Amino acid sequence: MKPKHAPHTDPTPMPARAKLEREARQEHEMELLVGYLLLSGVLLSILLVVTGMAWEYVKTGSLHLNYLIAGMNFFQFLVGDLRAILTPSLIGPRAFVNLAIAALLFTPYIRVVSSMVFFAAAEKNWKYTAFTAFVGVVLTYSLFLR
């Protein structure tokens, strides 16, 4: 008598299947990490904007911040904000909103760096590492532009 259902056999050898499963798990973990990095950056930015705007409203009764950031690159902008936060007399609503902008701009940079480390360390995929490094260089260069 013949069994109703023959057991399904996978033609992939056991060590190769284990390697494929490990690679799939690593890719999934990287996708989760990137997702959490992006989500954390956006949530931090939202928290800082809400804090700054609430402080501005309590302080002045208005939600209007009056300032100009033209003519600054990202690093000048960030150094000015850090200086404002470290000087108690300069800290205010504007510093929080500026830090929110900086966090939002810096989030993709962190994503590129984490991807580059993943491609180099976990996957040892030098082609993707080089492409991601190129994106990182272009992104870094763009942050220095005015």
Protein backbone atom coordinates (compact mmCIF):
# COMPACT_ATOMS: atom_id res chain seq x y z
CA MET A 1 0.00 0.00 0.00
CA LYS A 2 1.31 3.41 -1.02
CA PRO A 3 1.26 6.34 1.44
CA LYS A 4 -1.22 9.08 0.58
CA HIS A 5 1.33 11.88 0.80
CA ALA A 6 4.98 11.43 0.07
CA PRO A 7 7.22 13.46 2.37
CA HIS A 8 8.46 16.63 0.70
CA THR A 9 12.17 16.57 0.21
CA ASP A 10 14.14 19.74 -0.37
CA PRO A 11 16.93 19.22 -2.91
CA THR A 12 19.08 21.84 -1.15
CA PRO A 13 21.79 20.17 0.97
CA MET A 14 21.54 20.79 4.70
CA PRO A 15 24.62 23.09 5.12
CA ALA A 16 23.55 25.23 2.13
CA ARG A 17 20.01 25.51 3.49
CA ALA A 18 21.33 26.57 6.89
CA LYS A 19 23.48 29.23 5.21
CA LEU A 20 20.50 30.56 3.23
CA GLU A 21 18.37 30.68 6.37
CA ARG A 22 21.12 32.53 8.26
CA GLU A 23 21.49 35.08 5.44
CA ALA A 24 17.72 35.61 5.31
CA ARG A 25 17.65 36.11 9.08
CA GLN A 26 20.52 38.64 8.86
CA GLU A 27 18.76 40.58 6.10
CA HIS A 28 15.55 40.65 8.13
CA GLU A 29 17.45 41.87 11.20
CA MET A 30 19.09 44.60 9.12
CA GLU A 31 15.72 45.70 7.76
CA LEU A 32 14.39 45.89 11.32
CA LEU A 33 17.43 47.88 12.45
CA VAL A 34 17.08 50.36 9.58
CA GLY A 35 13.36 50.70 10.26
CA TYR A 36 13.94 51.36 13.95
CA LEU A 37 16.73 53.86 13.17
CA LEU A 38 14.49 55.83 10.84
CA LEU A 39 11.53 55.65 13.21
CA SER A 40 13.68 56.73 16.18
CA GLY A 41 15.08 59.69 14.26
CA VAL A 42 11.63 60.89 13.23
CA LEU A 43 10.17 60.39 16.72
CA LEU A 44 13.10 62.24 18.32
CA SER A 45 12.61 65.08 15.86
CA ILE A 46 8.88 65.25 16.59
CA LEU A 47 9.52 65.25 20.34
CA LEU A 48 12.04 68.08 20.04
CA VAL A 49 9.77 70.18 17.80
CA VAL A 50 6.78 69.73 20.09
CA THR A 51 8.90 70.60 23.13
CA GLY A 52 10.34 73.70 21.48
CA MET A 53 7.02 74.92 20.14
CA ALA A 54 5.22 74.30 23.45
CA TRP A 55 7.95 76.25 25.24
CA GLU A 56 7.63 79.06 22.68
CA TYR A 57 3.86 79.15 23.14
CA VAL A 58 4.13 79.27 26.93
CA LYS A 59 6.84 81.94 26.72
CA THR A 60 5.29 84.26 24.09
CA GLY A 61 1.73 83.08 23.43
CA SER A 62 2.69 82.49 19.80
CA LEU A 63 3.90 79.54 17.75
CA HIS A 64 6.11 81.73 15.58
CA LEU A 65 9.89 81.34 15.70
CA ASN A 66 11.67 84.12 13.89
CA TYR A 67 15.12 83.21 12.61
CA LEU A 68 17.15 82.59 9.50
CA ILE A 69 19.38 79.61 8.74
CA ALA A 70 20.37 80.60 5.21
CA GLY A 71 24.10 80.63 4.51
CA MET A 72 24.90 77.83 6.99
CA ASN A 73 25.87 74.28 6.29
CA PHE A 74 24.67 71.43 8.48
CA PHE A 75 27.76 71.36 10.69
CA GLN A 76 27.73 75.13 11.33
CA PHE A 77 24.05 74.79 12.17
CA LEU A 78 24.71 71.88 14.54
CA VAL A 79 27.69 73.52 16.28
CA GLY A 80 25.64 76.67 16.86
CA ASP A 81 22.84 74.60 18.39
CA LEU A 82 25.18 72.62 20.62
CA ARG A 83 26.77 75.86 21.80
CA ALA A 84 23.30 77.22 22.59
CA ILE A 85 22.37 74.15 24.58
CA LEU A 86 25.63 74.13 26.53
CA THR A 87 25.23 77.81 27.42
CA PRO A 88 22.31 78.04 29.87
CA SER A 89 21.54 81.66 28.97
CA LEU A 90 21.12 80.76 25.26
CA ILE A 91 18.93 77.68 25.68
CA GLY A 92 15.38 78.21 24.53
CA PRO A 93 12.61 77.02 22.24
CA ARG A 94 14.60 77.75 19.12
CA ALA A 95 17.44 75.44 20.23
CA PHE A 96 14.99 72.55 20.56
CA VAL A 97 13.48 73.15 17.13
CA ASN A 98 16.96 73.44 15.61
CA LEU A 99 18.00 70.17 17.21
CA ALA A 100 14.86 68.57 15.78
CA ILE A 101 15.92 69.72 12.32
CA ALA A 102 19.45 68.42 12.92
CA ALA A 103 18.12 65.03 14.12
CA LEU A 104 15.92 64.75 11.05
CA LEU A 105 18.83 65.59 8.73
CA PHE A 106 21.24 63.26 10.53
CA THR A 107 18.90 60.23 10.50
CA PRO A 108 19.57 59.18 6.87
CA TYR A 109 23.30 59.57 7.53
CA ILE A 110 23.12 57.06 10.38
CA ARG A 111 21.14 54.73 8.14
CA VAL A 112 23.83 54.84 5.44
CA VAL A 113 26.62 54.21 7.95
CA SER A 114 24.78 51.27 9.52
CA SER A 115 24.10 49.77 6.08
CA MET A 116 27.74 50.14 5.13
CA VAL A 117 28.84 48.36 8.32
CA PHE A 118 26.28 45.60 7.68
CA PHE A 119 27.41 45.02 4.10
CA ALA A 120 31.08 44.99 5.14
CA ALA A 121 30.90 43.01 8.40
CA ALA A 122 27.90 40.70 8.13
CA GLU A 123 27.58 40.03 4.42
CA LYS A 124 31.16 40.71 3.31
CA ASN A 125 29.66 42.11 0.12
CA TRP A 126 32.34 44.54 -1.02
CA LYS A 127 30.40 45.82 -4.03
CA TYR A 128 27.46 46.96 -1.88
CA THR A 129 29.88 48.26 0.74
CA ALA A 130 31.59 50.40 -1.91
CA PHE A 131 28.25 51.69 -3.27
CA THR A 132 27.04 52.52 0.22
CA ALA A 133 30.35 54.21 1.06
CA PHE A 134 29.96 56.32 -2.09
CA VAL A 135 26.45 57.34 -0.96
CA GLY A 136 27.95 58.19 2.44
CA VAL A 137 30.63 60.37 0.85
CA VAL A 138 28.04 62.20 -1.28
CA LEU A 139 25.77 62.66 1.73
CA THR A 140 28.66 63.96 3.85
CA TYR A 141 29.70 66.35 1.10
CA SER A 142 26.13 67.63 0.78
CA LEU A 143 26.02 68.36 4.52
CA PHE A 144 29.01 70.69 4.11
CA LEU A 145 27.33 72.67 1.31
CA ARG A 146 25.47 75.85 2.07
